[in-house]
Amino acid sequence: FGLVELRWSKDDQRARVAELLDLVGLSGLQDRRVQQLSGGQQQ
């Protein structure tokens, strides 16, 4: 969301999101709705 506001390119957005989801242990969940996540995953 913040990257869209900063006008990052779509490729850069995808790369940064993938990097961060890997960092916080959520790789593979990029398509999930947040309502489908546990409290720890939402955090």
PDB file of all heavy atoms in Angstrom:
ATOM      1  N   PHE A   1       0.816  -1.213   0.000  1.00  0.00           N
ATOM      2  CA  PHE A   1       0.000   0.000   0.000  1.00  0.00           C
ATOM      3  C   PHE A   1       0.854   1.270   0.000  1.00  0.00           C
ATOM      4  O   PHE A   1       0.631   2.186  -0.801  1.00  0.00           O
ATOM      5  CB  PHE A   1      -0.928   0.005   1.213  1.00  0.00           C
ATOM      6  CG  PHE A   1      -1.848   1.189   1.254  1.00  0.00           C
ATOM      7  CD1 PHE A   1      -3.009   1.216   0.503  1.00  0.00           C
ATOM      8  CD2 PHE A   1      -1.532   2.312   2.027  1.00  0.00           C
ATOM      9  CE1 PHE A   1      -3.853   2.333   0.523  1.00  0.00           C
ATOM     10  CE2 PHE A   1      -2.360   3.422   2.060  1.00  0.00           C
ATOM     11  CZ  PHE A   1      -3.526   3.432   1.306  1.00  0.00           C
ATOM     12  N   GLY A   2       1.845   1.351   0.875  1.00  0.00           N
ATOM     13  CA  GLY A   2       2.677   2.545   0.930  1.00  0.00           C
ATOM     14  C   GLY A   2       3.529   2.720  -0.315  1.00  0.00           C
ATOM     15  O   GLY A   2       3.852   3.856  -0.701  1.00  0.00           O
ATOM     16  N   LEU A   3       3.883   1.624  -0.951  1.00  0.00           N
ATOM     17  CA  LEU A   3       4.698   1.699  -2.171  1.00  0.00           C
ATOM     18  C   LEU A   3       3.885   2.249  -3.337  1.00  0.00           C
ATOM     19  O   LEU A   3       4.419   2.951  -4.198  1.00  0.00           O
ATOM     20  CB  LEU A   3       5.238   0.307  -2.509  1.00  0.00           C
ATOM     21  CG  LEU A   3       6.004  -0.395  -1.385  1.00  0.00           C
ATOM     22  CD1 LEU A   3       6.535  -1.740  -1.853  1.00  0.00           C
ATOM     23  CD2 LEU A   3       7.142   0.492  -0.877  1.00  0.00           C
ATOM     24  N   VAL A   4       2.598   1.920  -3.371  1.00  0.00           N
ATOM     25  CA  VAL A   4       1.713   2.507  -4.393  1.00  0.00           C
ATOM     26  C   VAL A   4       1.640   4.015  -4.212  1.00  0.00           C
ATOM     27  O   VAL A   4       1.724   4.782  -5.193  1.00  0.00           O
ATOM     28  CB  VAL A   4       0.304   1.873  -4.313  1.00  0.00           C
ATOM     29  CG1 VAL A   4      -0.653   2.580  -5.273  1.00  0.00           C
ATOM     30  CG2 VAL A   4       0.356   0.385  -4.610  1.00  0.00           C
ATOM     31  N   GLU A   5       1.487   4.437  -2.951  1.00  0.00           N
ATOM     32  CA  GLU A   5       1.422   5.872  -2.675  1.00  0.00           C
ATOM     33  C   GLU A   5       2.708   6.581  -3.091  1.00  0.00           C
ATOM     34  O   GLU A   5       2.685   7.740  -3.515  1.00  0.00           O
ATOM     35  CB  GLU A   5       1.167   6.096  -1.175  1.00  0.00           C
ATOM     36  CG  GLU A   5      -0.173   5.583  -0.667  1.00  0.00           C
ATOM     37  CD  GLU A   5      -1.327   6.364  -1.244  1.00  0.00           C
ATOM     38  OE1 GLU A   5      -1.334   7.596  -1.107  1.00  0.00           O
ATOM     39  OE2 GLU A   5      -2.224   5.736  -1.863  1.00  0.00           O
ATOM     40  N   LEU A   6       3.836   5.868  -2.980  1.00  0.00           N
ATOM     41  CA  LEU A   6       5.131   6.451  -3.346  1.00  0.00           C
ATOM     42  C   LEU A   6       5.456   6.270  -4.829  1.00  0.00           C
ATOM     43  O   LEU A   6       6.542   6.639  -5.276  1.00  0.00           O
ATOM     44  CB  LEU A   6       6.241   5.814  -2.499  1.00  0.00           C
ATOM     45  CG  LEU A   6       6.205   6.143  -1.002  1.00  0.00           C
ATOM     46  CD1 LEU A   6       7.240   5.308  -0.255  1.00  0.00           C
ATOM     47  CD2 LEU A   6       6.459   7.628  -0.769  1.00  0.00           C
ATOM     48  N   ARG A   7       4.517   5.651  -5.564  1.00  0.00           N
ATOM     49  CA  ARG A   7       4.641   5.482  -7.017  1.00  0.00           C
ATOM     50  C   ARG A   7       5.805   4.573  -7.413  1.00  0.00           C
ATOM     51  O   ARG A   7       6.494   4.815  -8.416  1.00  0.00           O
ATOM     52  CB  ARG A   7       4.761   6.842  -7.731  1.00  0.00           C
ATOM     53  CG  ARG A   7       3.548   7.727  -7.504  1.00  0.00           C
ATOM     54  CD  ARG A   7       3.783   9.117  -8.082  1.00  0.00           C
ATOM     55  NE  ARG A   7       2.682   9.992  -7.751  1.00  0.00           N
ATOM     56  CZ  ARG A   7       1.697  10.319  -8.577  1.00  0.00           C
ATOM     57  NH1 ARG A   7       1.674   9.844  -9.792  1.00  0.00           N
ATOM     58  NH2 ARG A   7       0.740  11.133  -8.191  1.00  0.00           N
ATOM     59  N   TRP A   8       6.033   3.538  -6.628  1.00  0.00           N
ATOM     60  CA  TRP A   8       7.000   2.527  -7.042  1.00  0.00           C
ATOM     61  C   TRP A   8       6.423   1.789  -8.254  1.00  0.00           C
ATOM     62  O   TRP A   8       5.217   1.627  -8.393  1.00  0.00           O
ATOM     63  CB  TRP A   8       7.229   1.521  -5.915  1.00  0.00           C
ATOM     64  CG  TRP A   8       8.110   2.004  -4.796  1.00  0.00           C
ATOM     65  CD1 TRP A   8       8.162   3.246  -4.254  1.00  0.00           C
ATOM     66  CD2 TRP A   8       9.051   1.210  -4.074  1.00  0.00           C
ATOM     67  NE1 TRP A   8       9.071   3.297  -3.228  1.00  0.00           N
ATOM     68  CE2 TRP A   8       9.634   2.056  -3.096  1.00  0.00           C
ATOM     69  CE3 TRP A   8       9.459  -0.117  -4.137  1.00  0.00           C
ATOM     70  CZ2 TRP A   8      10.602   1.599  -2.193  1.00  0.00           C
ATOM     71  CZ3 TRP A   8      10.421  -0.572  -3.239  1.00  0.00           C
ATOM     72  CH2 TRP A   8      10.998   0.277  -2.286  1.00  0.00           C
ATOM     73  N   SER A   9       7.320   1.280  -9.114  1.00  0.00           N
ATOM     74  CA  SER A   9       6.865   0.485 -10.249  1.00  0.00           C
ATOM     75  C   SER A   9       6.288  -0.842  -9.758  1.00  0.00           C
ATOM     76  O   SER A   9       6.616  -1.305  -8.664  1.00  0.00           O
ATOM     77  CB  SER A   9       8.026   0.213 -11.210  1.00  0.00           C
ATOM     78  OG  SER A   9       8.923  -0.719 -10.633  1.00  0.00           O
ATOM     79  N   LYS A  10       5.452  -1.467 -10.567  1.00  0.00           N
ATOM     80  CA  LYS A  10       4.818  -2.730 -10.183  1.00  0.00           C
ATOM     81  C   LYS A  10       5.857  -3.820  -9.949  1.00  0.00           C
ATOM     82  O   LYS A  10       5.731  -4.636  -9.032  1.00  0.00           O
ATOM     83  CB  LYS A  10       3.790  -3.159 -11.226  1.00  0.00           C
ATOM     84  CG  LYS A  10       2.594  -2.239 -11.321  1.00  0.00           C
ATOM     85  CD  LYS A  10       1.360  -3.040 -11.645  1.00  0.00           C
ATOM     86  CE  LYS A  10       0.132  -2.120 -11.682  1.00  0.00           C
ATOM     87  NZ  LYS A  10      -0.445  -1.992 -10.360  1.00  0.00           N
ATOM     88  N   ASP A  11       6.903  -3.855 -10.767  1.00  0.00           N
ATOM     89  CA  ASP A  11       7.946  -4.864 -10.583  1.00  0.00           C
ATOM     90  C   ASP A  11       8.667  -4.660  -9.259  1.00  0.00           C
ATOM     91  O   ASP A  11       8.953  -5.623  -8.539  1.00  0.00           O
ATOM     92  CB  ASP A  11       8.948  -4.808 -11.742  1.00  0.00           C
ATOM     93  CG  ASP A  11       8.377  -5.383 -13.031  1.00  0.00           C
ATOM     94  OD1 ASP A  11       7.341  -6.099 -12.955  1.00  0.00           O
ATOM     95  OD2 ASP A  11       8.950  -5.116 -14.105  1.00  0.00           O
ATOM     96  N   ASP A  12       8.985  -3.391  -8.946  1.00  0.00           N
ATOM     97  CA  ASP A  12       9.660  -3.103  -7.680  1.00  0.00           C
ATOM     98  C   ASP A  12       8.760  -3.419  -6.495  1.00  0.00           C
ATOM     99  O   ASP A  12       9.222  -3.895  -5.453  1.00  0.00           O
ATOM    100  CB  ASP A  12      10.095  -1.638  -7.637  1.00  0.00           C
ATOM    101  CG  ASP A  12      11.278  -1.350  -8.558  1.00  0.00           C
ATOM    102  OD1 ASP A  12      11.947  -2.330  -8.961  1.00  0.00           O
ATOM    103  OD2 ASP A  12      11.525  -0.172  -8.872  1.00  0.00           O
ATOM    104  N   GLN A  13       7.465  -3.136  -6.643  1.00  0.00           N
ATOM    105  CA  GLN A  13       6.522  -3.469  -5.585  1.00  0.00           C
ATOM    106  C   GLN A  13       6.516  -4.975  -5.306  1.00  0.00           C
ATOM    107  O   GLN A  13       6.609  -5.405  -4.164  1.00  0.00           O
ATOM    108  CB  GLN A  13       5.104  -3.018  -5.953  1.00  0.00           C
ATOM    109  CG  GLN A  13       4.869  -1.523  -5.928  1.00  0.00           C
ATOM    110  CD  GLN A  13       3.442  -1.201  -6.339  1.00  0.00           C
ATOM    111  OE1 GLN A  13       2.500  -1.895  -5.977  1.00  0.00           O
ATOM    112  NE2 GLN A  13       3.273  -0.131  -7.105  1.00  0.00           N
ATOM    113  N   ARG A  14       6.394  -5.756  -6.380  1.00  0.00           N
ATOM    114  CA  ARG A  14       6.332  -7.211  -6.215  1.00  0.00           C
ATOM    115  C   ARG A  14       7.616  -7.749  -5.573  1.00  0.00           C
ATOM    116  O   ARG A  14       7.576  -8.618  -4.703  1.00  0.00           O
ATOM    117  CB  ARG A  14       6.082  -7.888  -7.568  1.00  0.00           C
ATOM    118  CG  ARG A  14       4.614  -7.861  -7.993  1.00  0.00           C
ATOM    119  CD  ARG A  14       4.372  -8.791  -9.173  1.00  0.00           C
ATOM    120  NE  ARG A  14       5.021  -8.282 -10.374  1.00  0.00           N
ATOM    121  CZ  ARG A  14       4.429  -7.488 -11.258  1.00  0.00           C
ATOM    122  NH1 ARG A  14       3.182  -7.098 -11.072  1.00  0.00           N
ATOM    123  NH2 ARG A  14       5.071  -7.072 -12.330  1.00  0.00           N
ATOM    124  N   ALA A  15       8.752  -7.207  -6.009  1.00  0.00           N
ATOM    125  CA  ALA A  15      10.028  -7.671  -5.455  1.00  0.00           C
ATOM    126  C   ALA A  15      10.141  -7.316  -3.968  1.00  0.00           C
ATOM    127  O   ALA A  15      10.590  -8.141  -3.152  1.00  0.00           O
ATOM    128  CB  ALA A  15      11.188  -7.056  -6.238  1.00  0.00           C
ATOM    129  N   ARG A  16       9.722  -6.112  -3.612  1.00  0.00           N
ATOM    130  CA  ARG A  16       9.818  -5.686  -2.213  1.00  0.00           C
ATOM    131  C   ARG A  16       8.840  -6.473  -1.337  1.00  0.00           C
ATOM    132  O   ARG A  16       9.193  -6.880  -0.222  1.00  0.00           O
ATOM    133  CB  ARG A  16       9.526  -4.185  -2.108  1.00  0.00           C
ATOM    134  CG  ARG A  16       9.606  -3.600  -0.708  1.00  0.00           C
ATOM    135  CD  ARG A  16      10.972  -3.733  -0.103  1.00  0.00           C
ATOM    136  NE  ARG A  16      11.069  -3.009   1.177  1.00  0.00           N
ATOM    137  CZ  ARG A  16      11.988  -3.258   2.119  1.00  0.00           C
ATOM    138  NH1 ARG A  16      12.904  -4.204   1.912  1.00  0.00           N
ATOM    139  NH2 ARG A  16      12.002  -2.574   3.243  1.00  0.00           N
ATOM    140  N   VAL A  17       7.638  -6.706  -1.821  1.00  0.00           N
ATOM    141  CA  VAL A  17       6.659  -7.482  -1.054  1.00  0.00           C
ATOM    142  C   VAL A  17       7.168  -8.902  -0.838  1.00  0.00           C
ATOM    143  O   VAL A  17       7.081  -9.442   0.281  1.00  0.00           O
ATOM    144  CB  VAL A  17       5.292  -7.490  -1.765  1.00  0.00           C
ATOM    145  CG1 VAL A  17       4.356  -8.503  -1.104  1.00  0.00           C
ATOM    146  CG2 VAL A  17       4.667  -6.104  -1.729  1.00  0.00           C
ATOM    147  N   ALA A  18       7.702  -9.528  -1.876  1.00  0.00           N
ATOM    148  CA  ALA A  18       8.227 -10.889  -1.744  1.00  0.00           C
ATOM    149  C   ALA A  18       9.361 -10.942  -0.724  1.00  0.00           C
ATOM    150  O   ALA A  18       9.445 -11.864   0.094  1.00  0.00           O
ATOM    151  CB  ALA A  18       8.699 -11.397  -3.104  1.00  0.00           C
ATOM    152  N   GLU A  19      10.236  -9.934  -0.777  1.00  0.00           N
ATOM    153  CA  GLU A  19      11.353  -9.860   0.168  1.00  0.00           C
ATOM    154  C   GLU A  19      10.851  -9.773   1.613  1.00  0.00           C
ATOM    155  O   GLU A  19      11.346 -10.469   2.502  1.00  0.00           O
ATOM    156  CB  GLU A  19      12.219  -8.642  -0.170  1.00  0.00           C
ATOM    157  CG  GLU A  19      13.339  -8.374   0.816  1.00  0.00           C
ATOM    158  CD  GLU A  19      14.000  -7.017   0.569  1.00  0.00           C
ATOM    159  OE1 GLU A  19      13.627  -6.325  -0.413  1.00  0.00           O
ATOM    160  OE2 GLU A  19      14.881  -6.649   1.370  1.00  0.00           O
ATOM    161  N   LEU A  20       9.842  -8.937   1.848  1.00  0.00           N
ATOM    162  CA  LEU A  20       9.342  -8.726   3.204  1.00  0.00           C
ATOM    163  C   LEU A  20       8.524  -9.910   3.705  1.00  0.00           C
ATOM    164  O   LEU A  20       8.609 -10.271   4.884  1.00  0.00           O
ATOM    165  CB  LEU A  20       8.515  -7.439   3.256  1.00  0.00           C
ATOM    166  CG  LEU A  20       9.342  -6.168   3.164  1.00  0.00           C
ATOM    167  CD1 LEU A  20       8.441  -4.969   2.901  1.00  0.00           C
ATOM    168  CD2 LEU A  20      10.141  -5.947   4.443  1.00  0.00           C
ATOM    169  N   LEU A  21       7.728 -10.520   2.827  1.00  0.00           N
ATOM    170  CA  LEU A  21       6.959 -11.686   3.261  1.00  0.00           C
ATOM    171  C   LEU A  21       7.900 -12.827   3.632  1.00  0.00           C
ATOM    172  O   LEU A  21       7.625 -13.589   4.572  1.00  0.00           O
ATOM    173  CB  LEU A  21       5.982 -12.121   2.172  1.00  0.00           C
ATOM    174  CG  LEU A  21       4.817 -11.162   1.909  1.00  0.00           C
ATOM    175  CD1 LEU A  21       3.885 -11.732   0.847  1.00  0.00           C
ATOM    176  CD2 LEU A  21       4.042 -10.864   3.186  1.00  0.00           C
ATOM    177  N   ASP A  22       8.995 -12.936   2.936  1.00  0.00           N
ATOM    178  CA  ASP A  22       9.999 -13.937   3.310  1.00  0.00           C
ATOM    179  C   ASP A  22      10.627 -13.573   4.657  1.00  0.00           C
ATOM    180  O   ASP A  22      10.842 -14.444   5.512  1.00  0.00           O
ATOM    181  CB  ASP A  22      11.069 -14.027   2.220  1.00  0.00           C
ATOM    182  CG  ASP A  22      12.137 -15.057   2.557  1.00  0.00           C
ATOM    183  OD1 ASP A  22      11.798 -16.243   2.705  1.00  0.00           O
ATOM    184  OD2 ASP A  22      13.308 -14.674   2.703  1.00  0.00           O
ATOM    185  N   LEU A  23      10.889 -12.293   4.854  1.00  0.00           N
ATOM    186  CA  LEU A  23      11.514 -11.835   6.095  1.00  0.00           C
ATOM    187  C   LEU A  23      10.641 -12.127   7.307  1.00  0.00           C
ATOM    188  O   LEU A  23      11.137 -12.537   8.370  1.00  0.00           O
ATOM    189  CB  LEU A  23      11.781 -10.321   6.004  1.00  0.00           C
ATOM    190  CG  LEU A  23      12.458  -9.665   7.202  1.00  0.00           C
ATOM    191  CD1 LEU A  23      13.905 -10.112   7.324  1.00  0.00           C
ATOM    192  CD2 LEU A  23      12.393  -8.147   7.080  1.00  0.00           C
ATOM    193  N   VAL A  24       9.323 -11.942   7.177  1.00  0.00           N
ATOM    194  CA  VAL A  24       8.427 -12.129   8.326  1.00  0.00           C
ATOM    195  C   VAL A  24       7.770 -13.512   8.343  1.00  0.00           C
ATOM    196  O   VAL A  24       6.872 -13.776   9.143  1.00  0.00           O
ATOM    197  CB  VAL A  24       7.337 -11.035   8.370  1.00  0.00           C
ATOM    198  CG1 VAL A  24       7.964  -9.659   8.491  1.00  0.00           C
ATOM    199  CG2 VAL A  24       6.423 -11.105   7.142  1.00  0.00           C
ATOM    200  N   GLY A  25       8.229 -14.416   7.468  1.00  0.00           N
ATOM    201  CA  GLY A  25       7.745 -15.788   7.502  1.00  0.00           C
ATOM    202  C   GLY A  25       6.374 -16.010   6.911  1.00  0.00           C
ATOM    203  O   GLY A  25       5.647 -16.905   7.350  1.00  0.00           O
ATOM    204  N   LEU A  26       6.002 -15.227   5.886  1.00  0.00           N
ATOM    205  CA  LEU A  26       4.684 -15.364   5.268  1.00  0.00           C
ATOM    206  C   LEU A  26       4.778 -15.639   3.762  1.00  0.00           C
ATOM    207  O   LEU A  26       3.827 -15.382   3.022  1.00  0.00           O
ATOM    208  CB  LEU A  26       3.840 -14.104   5.506  1.00  0.00           C
ATOM    209  CG  LEU A  26       3.444 -13.806   6.953  1.00  0.00           C
ATOM    210  CD1 LEU A  26       2.641 -12.511   7.020  1.00  0.00           C
ATOM    211  CD2 LEU A  26       2.637 -14.962   7.546  1.00  0.00           C
ATOM    212  N   SER A  27       5.892 -16.163   3.316  1.00  0.00           N
ATOM    213  CA  SER A  27       6.035 -16.474   1.886  1.00  0.00           C
ATOM    214  C   SER A  27       4.931 -17.429   1.448  1.00  0.00           C
ATOM    215  O   SER A  27       4.594 -18.382   2.158  1.00  0.00           O
ATOM    216  CB  SER A  27       7.401 -17.108   1.620  1.00  0.00           C
ATOM    217  OG  SER A  27       8.433 -16.179   1.835  1.00  0.00           O
ATOM    218  N   GLY A  28       4.362 -17.153   0.287  1.00  0.00           N
ATOM    219  CA  GLY A  28       3.313 -17.997  -0.245  1.00  0.00           C
ATOM    220  C   GLY A  28       1.905 -17.584   0.148  1.00  0.00           C
ATOM    221  O   GLY A  28       0.929 -18.152  -0.341  1.00  0.00           O
ATOM    222  N   LEU A  29       1.785 -16.573   1.023  1.00  0.00           N
ATOM    223  CA  LEU A  29       0.460 -16.145   1.476  1.00  0.00           C
ATOM    224  C   LEU A  29       0.038 -14.815   0.868  1.00  0.00           C
ATOM    225  O   LEU A  29      -0.901 -14.182   1.337  1.00  0.00           O
ATOM    226  CB  LEU A  29       0.437 -16.038   3.011  1.00  0.00           C
ATOM    227  CG  LEU A  29       0.727 -17.312   3.804  1.00  0.00           C
ATOM    228  CD1 LEU A  29       0.555 -17.055   5.297  1.00  0.00           C
ATOM    229  CD2 LEU A  29      -0.175 -18.455   3.352  1.00  0.00           C
ATOM    230  N   GLN A  30       0.711 -14.383  -0.188  1.00  0.00           N
ATOM    231  CA  GLN A  30       0.450 -13.053  -0.730  1.00  0.00           C
ATOM    232  C   GLN A  30      -0.984 -12.879  -1.239  1.00  0.00           C
ATOM    233  O   GLN A  30      -1.509 -11.757  -1.270  1.00  0.00           O
ATOM    234  CB  GLN A  30       1.455 -12.704  -1.835  1.00  0.00           C
ATOM    235  CG  GLN A  30       1.403 -13.606  -3.041  1.00  0.00           C
ATOM    236  CD  GLN A  30       2.311 -14.811  -2.879  1.00  0.00           C
ATOM    237  OE1 GLN A  30       2.820 -15.085  -1.793  1.00  0.00           O
ATOM    238  NE2 GLN A  30       2.532 -15.530  -3.991  1.00  0.00           N
ATOM    239  N   ASP A  31      -1.640 -13.966  -1.638  1.00  0.00           N
ATOM    240  CA  ASP A  31      -2.990 -13.861  -2.186  1.00  0.00           C
ATOM    241  C   ASP A  31      -4.086 -14.035  -1.142  1.00  0.00           C
ATOM    242  O   ASP A  31      -5.279 -13.918  -1.479  1.00  0.00           O
ATOM    243  CB  ASP A  31      -3.185 -14.908  -3.294  1.00  0.00           C
ATOM    244  CG  ASP A  31      -2.281 -14.653  -4.499  1.00  0.00           C
ATOM    245  OD1 ASP A  31      -2.036 -13.465  -4.792  1.00  0.00           O
ATOM    246  OD2 ASP A  31      -1.813 -15.628  -5.110  1.00  0.00           O
ATOM    247  N   ARG A  32      -3.718 -14.300   0.100  1.00  0.00           N
ATOM    248  CA  ARG A  32      -4.724 -14.507   1.148  1.00  0.00           C
ATOM    249  C   ARG A  32      -5.393 -13.188   1.538  1.00  0.00           C
ATOM    250  O   ARG A  32      -4.771 -12.134   1.556  1.00  0.00           O
ATOM    251  CB  ARG A  32      -4.064 -15.081   2.400  1.00  0.00           C
ATOM    252  CG  ARG A  32      -3.597 -16.500   2.269  1.00  0.00           C
ATOM    253  CD  ARG A  32      -4.654 -17.490   2.657  1.00  0.00           C
ATOM    254  NE  ARG A  32      -4.122 -18.841   2.619  1.00  0.00           N
ATOM    255  CZ  ARG A  32      -3.633 -19.466   3.672  1.00  0.00           C
ATOM    256  NH1 ARG A  32      -3.615 -18.868   4.846  1.00  0.00           N
ATOM    257  NH2 ARG A  32      -3.169 -20.687   3.560  1.00  0.00           N
ATOM    258  N   ARG A  33      -6.673 -13.269   1.863  1.00  0.00           N
ATOM    259  CA  ARG A  33      -7.364 -12.142   2.490  1.00  0.00           C
ATOM    260  C   ARG A  33      -6.924 -12.056   3.941  1.00  0.00           C
ATOM    261  O   ARG A  33      -6.671 -13.082   4.588  1.00  0.00           O
ATOM    262  CB  ARG A  33      -8.874 -12.342   2.425  1.00  0.00           C
ATOM    263  CG  ARG A  33      -9.439 -12.276   1.025  1.00  0.00           C
ATOM    264  CD  ARG A  33      -9.600 -10.846   0.586  1.00  0.00           C
ATOM    265  NE  ARG A  33     -10.181 -10.736  -0.745  1.00  0.00           N
ATOM    266  CZ  ARG A  33     -10.512  -9.594  -1.299  1.00  0.00           C
ATOM    267  NH1 ARG A  33     -10.318  -8.465  -0.656  1.00  0.00           N
ATOM    268  NH2 ARG A  33     -11.020  -9.559  -2.516  1.00  0.00           N
ATOM    269  N   VAL A  34      -6.852 -10.859   4.477  1.00  0.00           N
ATOM    270  CA  VAL A  34      -6.355 -10.731   5.847  1.00  0.00           C
ATOM    271  C   VAL A  34      -7.305 -11.378   6.847  1.00  0.00           C
ATOM    272  O   VAL A  34      -6.884 -11.809   7.923  1.00  0.00           O
ATOM    273  CB  VAL A  34      -6.108  -9.243   6.209  1.00  0.00           C
ATOM    274  CG1 VAL A  34      -4.971  -8.680   5.380  1.00  0.00           C
ATOM    275  CG2 VAL A  34      -7.369  -8.409   6.056  1.00  0.00           C
ATOM    276  N   GLN A  35      -8.602 -11.482   6.502  1.00  0.00           N
ATOM    277  CA  GLN A  35      -9.554 -12.131   7.412  1.00  0.00           C
ATOM    278  C   GLN A  35      -9.270 -13.625   7.551  1.00  0.00           C
ATOM    279  O   GLN A  35      -9.733 -14.264   8.488  1.00  0.00           O
ATOM    280  CB  GLN A  35     -11.002 -11.941   6.928  1.00  0.00           C
ATOM    281  CG  GLN A  35     -11.443 -10.501   6.837  1.00  0.00           C
ATOM    282  CD  GLN A  35     -11.318  -9.983   5.408  1.00  0.00           C
ATOM    283  OE1 GLN A  35     -10.362 -10.298   4.712  1.00  0.00           O
ATOM    284  NE2 GLN A  35     -12.304  -9.198   4.976  1.00  0.00           N
ATOM    285  N   GLN A  36      -8.515 -14.182   6.606  1.00  0.00           N
ATOM    286  CA  GLN A  36      -8.195 -15.609   6.648  1.00  0.00           C
ATOM    287  C   GLN A  36      -6.934 -15.888   7.459  1.00  0.00           C
ATOM    288  O   GLN A  36      -6.550 -17.045   7.609  1.00  0.00           O
ATOM    289  CB  GLN A  36      -8.007 -16.138   5.220  1.00  0.00           C
ATOM    290  CG  GLN A  36      -9.241 -16.036   4.345  1.00  0.00           C
ATOM    291  CD  GLN A  36      -8.940 -16.454   2.908  1.00  0.00           C
ATOM    292  OE1 GLN A  36      -8.122 -15.849   2.216  1.00  0.00           O
ATOM    293  NE2 GLN A  36      -9.611 -17.517   2.469  1.00  0.00           N
ATOM    294  N   LEU A  37      -6.308 -14.864   7.986  1.00  0.00           N
ATOM    295  CA  LEU A  37      -5.054 -15.015   8.721  1.00  0.00           C
ATOM    296  C   LEU A  37      -5.292 -15.073  10.220  1.00  0.00           C
ATOM    297  O   LEU A  37      -6.257 -14.508  10.735  1.00  0.00           O
ATOM    298  CB  LEU A  37      -4.105 -13.860   8.403  1.00  0.00           C
ATOM    299  CG  LEU A  37      -3.758 -13.617   6.937  1.00  0.00           C
ATOM    300  CD1 LEU A  37      -2.846 -12.403   6.825  1.00  0.00           C
ATOM    301  CD2 LEU A  37      -3.097 -14.857   6.326  1.00  0.00           C
ATOM    302  N   SER A  38      -4.389 -15.726  10.925  1.00  0.00           N
ATOM    303  CA  SER A  38      -4.422 -15.713  12.388  1.00  0.00           C
ATOM    304  C   SER A  38      -3.963 -14.355  12.904  1.00  0.00           C
ATOM    305  O   SER A  38      -3.433 -13.528  12.141  1.00  0.00           O
ATOM    306  CB  SER A  38      -3.495 -16.798  12.943  1.00  0.00           C
ATOM    307  OG  SER A  38      -2.138 -16.476  12.660  1.00  0.00           O
ATOM    308  N   GLY A  39      -4.154 -14.128  14.195  1.00  0.00           N
ATOM    309  CA  GLY A  39      -3.715 -12.856  14.770  1.00  0.00           C
ATOM    310  C   GLY A  39      -2.224 -12.634  14.616  1.00  0.00           C
ATOM    311  O   GLY A  39      -1.773 -11.525  14.306  1.00  0.00           O
ATOM    312  N   GLY A  40      -1.433 -13.690  14.802  1.00  0.00           N
ATOM    313  CA  GLY A  40       0.009 -13.547  14.630  1.00  0.00           C
ATOM    314  C   GLY A  40       0.401 -13.247  13.204  1.00  0.00           C
ATOM    315  O   GLY A  40       1.314 -12.455  12.946  1.00  0.00           O
ATOM    316  N   GLN A  41      -0.292 -13.856  12.246  1.00  0.00           N
ATOM    317  CA  GLN A  41      -0.009 -13.575  10.841  1.00  0.00           C
ATOM    318  C   GLN A  41      -0.406 -12.154  10.462  1.00  0.00           C
ATOM    319  O   GLN A  41       0.306 -11.479   9.710  1.00  0.00           O
ATOM    320  CB  GLN A  41      -0.742 -14.590   9.956  1.00  0.00           C
ATOM    321  CG  GLN A  41      -0.171 -15.994  10.038  1.00  0.00           C
ATOM    322  CD  GLN A  41      -1.036 -17.014   9.318  1.00  0.00           C
ATOM    323  OE1 GLN A  41      -2.270 -16.887   9.279  1.00  0.00           O
ATOM    324  NE2 GLN A  41      -0.407 -18.023   8.734  1.00  0.00           N
ATOM    325  N   GLN A  42      -1.534 -11.674  10.990  1.00  0.00           N
ATOM    326  CA  GLN A  42      -1.930 -10.292  10.732  1.00  0.00           C
ATOM    327  C   GLN A  42      -0.902  -9.318  11.293  1.00  0.00           C
ATOM    328  O   GLN A  42      -0.585  -8.296  10.668  1.00  0.00           O
ATOM    329  CB  GLN A  42      -3.303 -10.026  11.340  1.00  0.00           C
ATOM    330  CG  GLN A  42      -4.437 -10.735  10.628  1.00  0.00           C
ATOM    331  CD  GLN A  42      -5.795 -10.377  11.209  1.00  0.00           C
ATOM    332  OE1 GLN A  42      -5.983  -9.294  11.763  1.00  0.00           O
ATOM    333  NE2 GLN A  42      -6.747 -11.278  11.088  1.00  0.00           N
ATOM    334  N   GLN A  43      -0.363  -9.638  12.460  1.00  0.00           N
ATOM    335  CA  GLN A  43       0.671  -8.775  13.048  1.00  0.00           C
ATOM    336  C   GLN A  43       1.894  -8.711  12.133  1.00  0.00           C
ATOM    337  O   GLN A  43       2.492  -7.654  11.939  1.00  0.00           O
ATOM    338  CB  GLN A  43       1.040  -9.308  14.431  1.00  0.00           C
ATOM    339  CG  GLN A  43       1.897  -8.363  15.254  1.00  0.00           C
ATOM    340  CD  GLN A  43       3.378  -8.638  15.093  1.00  0.00           C
ATOM    341  OE1 GLN A  43       3.788  -9.605  14.459  1.00  0.00           O
ATOM    342  NE2 GLN A  43       4.187  -7.757  15.632  1.00  0.00           N
TER     343      GLN A  43
END
